[in-house]
Amino acid sequence: MSQDNLIKFECTECKKITHFSHKNKKILKERLELQKYCKNCKKHTLHKETK
């Protein structure tokens, strides 16, 4: 896996990093926001991309 395309998703409620993904940073300049399941909150919450 290439580390330069790896992004982390942080839960907006508990502020923990729970998911990882890849993206093409040349095409997608803005940060992603996705609804994902947080195992700490035990529900679907908004996850934002972190640095």
C-alpha atoms as a PDB file:
ATOM      1  CA  MET A   1       0.000   0.000   0.000  1.00  0.00           C
ATOM      2  CA  SER A   2       1.192   3.431  -0.852  1.00  0.00           C
ATOM      3  CA  GLN A   3       1.394   5.693   2.201  1.00  0.00           C
ATOM      4  CA  ASP A   4       1.148   8.944   0.246  1.00  0.00           C
ATOM      5  CA  ASN A   5      -2.459   8.190  -0.802  1.00  0.00           C
ATOM      6  CA  LEU A   6      -3.546   6.957   2.623  1.00  0.00           C
ATOM      7  CA  ILE A   7      -6.089   9.113   4.473  1.00  0.00           C
ATOM      8  CA  LYS A   8      -7.543   8.847   7.981  1.00  0.00           C
ATOM      9  CA  PHE A   9     -11.148   9.419   9.000  1.00  0.00           C
ATOM     10  CA  GLU A  10     -11.968  10.878  12.397  1.00  0.00           C
ATOM     11  CA  CYS A  11     -15.363  10.596  14.051  1.00  0.00           C
ATOM     12  CA  THR A  12     -16.921  14.008  14.677  1.00  0.00           C
ATOM     13  CA  GLU A  13     -18.547  12.892  17.941  1.00  0.00           C
ATOM     14  CA  CYS A  14     -15.858  10.948  19.811  1.00  0.00           C
ATOM     15  CA  LYS A  15     -12.845  12.437  17.900  1.00  0.00           C
ATOM     16  CA  LYS A  16     -11.168   9.043  17.413  1.00  0.00           C
ATOM     17  CA  ILE A  17      -9.612   7.809  14.181  1.00  0.00           C
ATOM     18  CA  THR A  18     -11.596   4.728  13.219  1.00  0.00           C
ATOM     19  CA  HIS A  19     -11.251   4.296   9.438  1.00  0.00           C
ATOM     20  CA  PHE A  20      -8.535   4.464   6.776  1.00  0.00           C
ATOM     21  CA  SER A  21      -8.871   4.764   3.023  1.00  0.00           C
ATOM     22  CA  HIS A  22      -7.100   5.853  -0.164  1.00  0.00           C
ATOM     23  CA  LYS A  23      -7.747   8.720  -2.506  1.00  0.00           C
ATOM     24  CA  ASN A  24      -6.145  10.281  -5.526  1.00  0.00           C
ATOM     25  CA  LYS A  25      -4.951  13.621  -4.174  1.00  0.00           C
ATOM     26  CA  LYS A  26      -4.314  15.028  -7.640  1.00  0.00           C
ATOM     27  CA  ILE A  27      -7.994  14.750  -8.561  1.00  0.00           C
ATOM     28  CA  LEU A  28      -9.697  15.298  -5.188  1.00  0.00           C
ATOM     29  CA  LYS A  29      -8.348  18.453  -3.585  1.00  0.00           C
ATOM     30  CA  GLU A  30     -10.986  18.969  -0.885  1.00  0.00           C
ATOM     31  CA  ARG A  31     -11.323  16.858   2.239  1.00  0.00           C
ATOM     32  CA  LEU A  32     -13.822  14.029   2.326  1.00  0.00           C
ATOM     33  CA  GLU A  33     -16.774  13.735   4.706  1.00  0.00           C
ATOM     34  CA  LEU A  34     -18.563  10.403   4.871  1.00  0.00           C
ATOM     35  CA  GLN A  35     -21.179   8.699   7.011  1.00  0.00           C
ATOM     36  CA  LYS A  36     -19.460   5.684   8.557  1.00  0.00           C
ATOM     37  CA  TYR A  37     -20.043   3.348  11.469  1.00  0.00           C
ATOM     38  CA  CYS A  38     -18.059   4.231  14.589  1.00  0.00           C
ATOM     39  CA  LYS A  39     -17.343   1.258  16.833  1.00  0.00           C
ATOM     40  CA  ASN A  40     -16.763   3.555  19.828  1.00  0.00           C
ATOM     41  CA  CYS A  41     -20.076   5.418  19.481  1.00  0.00           C
ATOM     42  CA  LYS A  42     -21.852   2.265  18.207  1.00  0.00           C
ATOM     43  CA  LYS A  43     -23.759   4.191  15.536  1.00  0.00           C
ATOM     44  CA  HIS A  44     -23.352   5.827  12.132  1.00  0.00           C
ATOM     45  CA  THR A  45     -21.776   9.253  12.419  1.00  0.00           C
ATOM     46  CA  LEU A  46     -20.131  11.793  10.159  1.00  0.00           C
ATOM     47  CA  HIS A  47     -16.412  11.110   9.668  1.00  0.00           C
ATOM     48  CA  LYS A  48     -14.068  13.791   8.364  1.00  0.00           C
ATOM     49  CA  GLU A  49     -10.708  13.353   6.735  1.00  0.00           C
ATOM     50  CA  THR A  50      -7.750  14.368   8.910  1.00  0.00           C
ATOM     51  CA  LYS A  51      -4.150  15.191   8.049  1.00  0.00           C
END
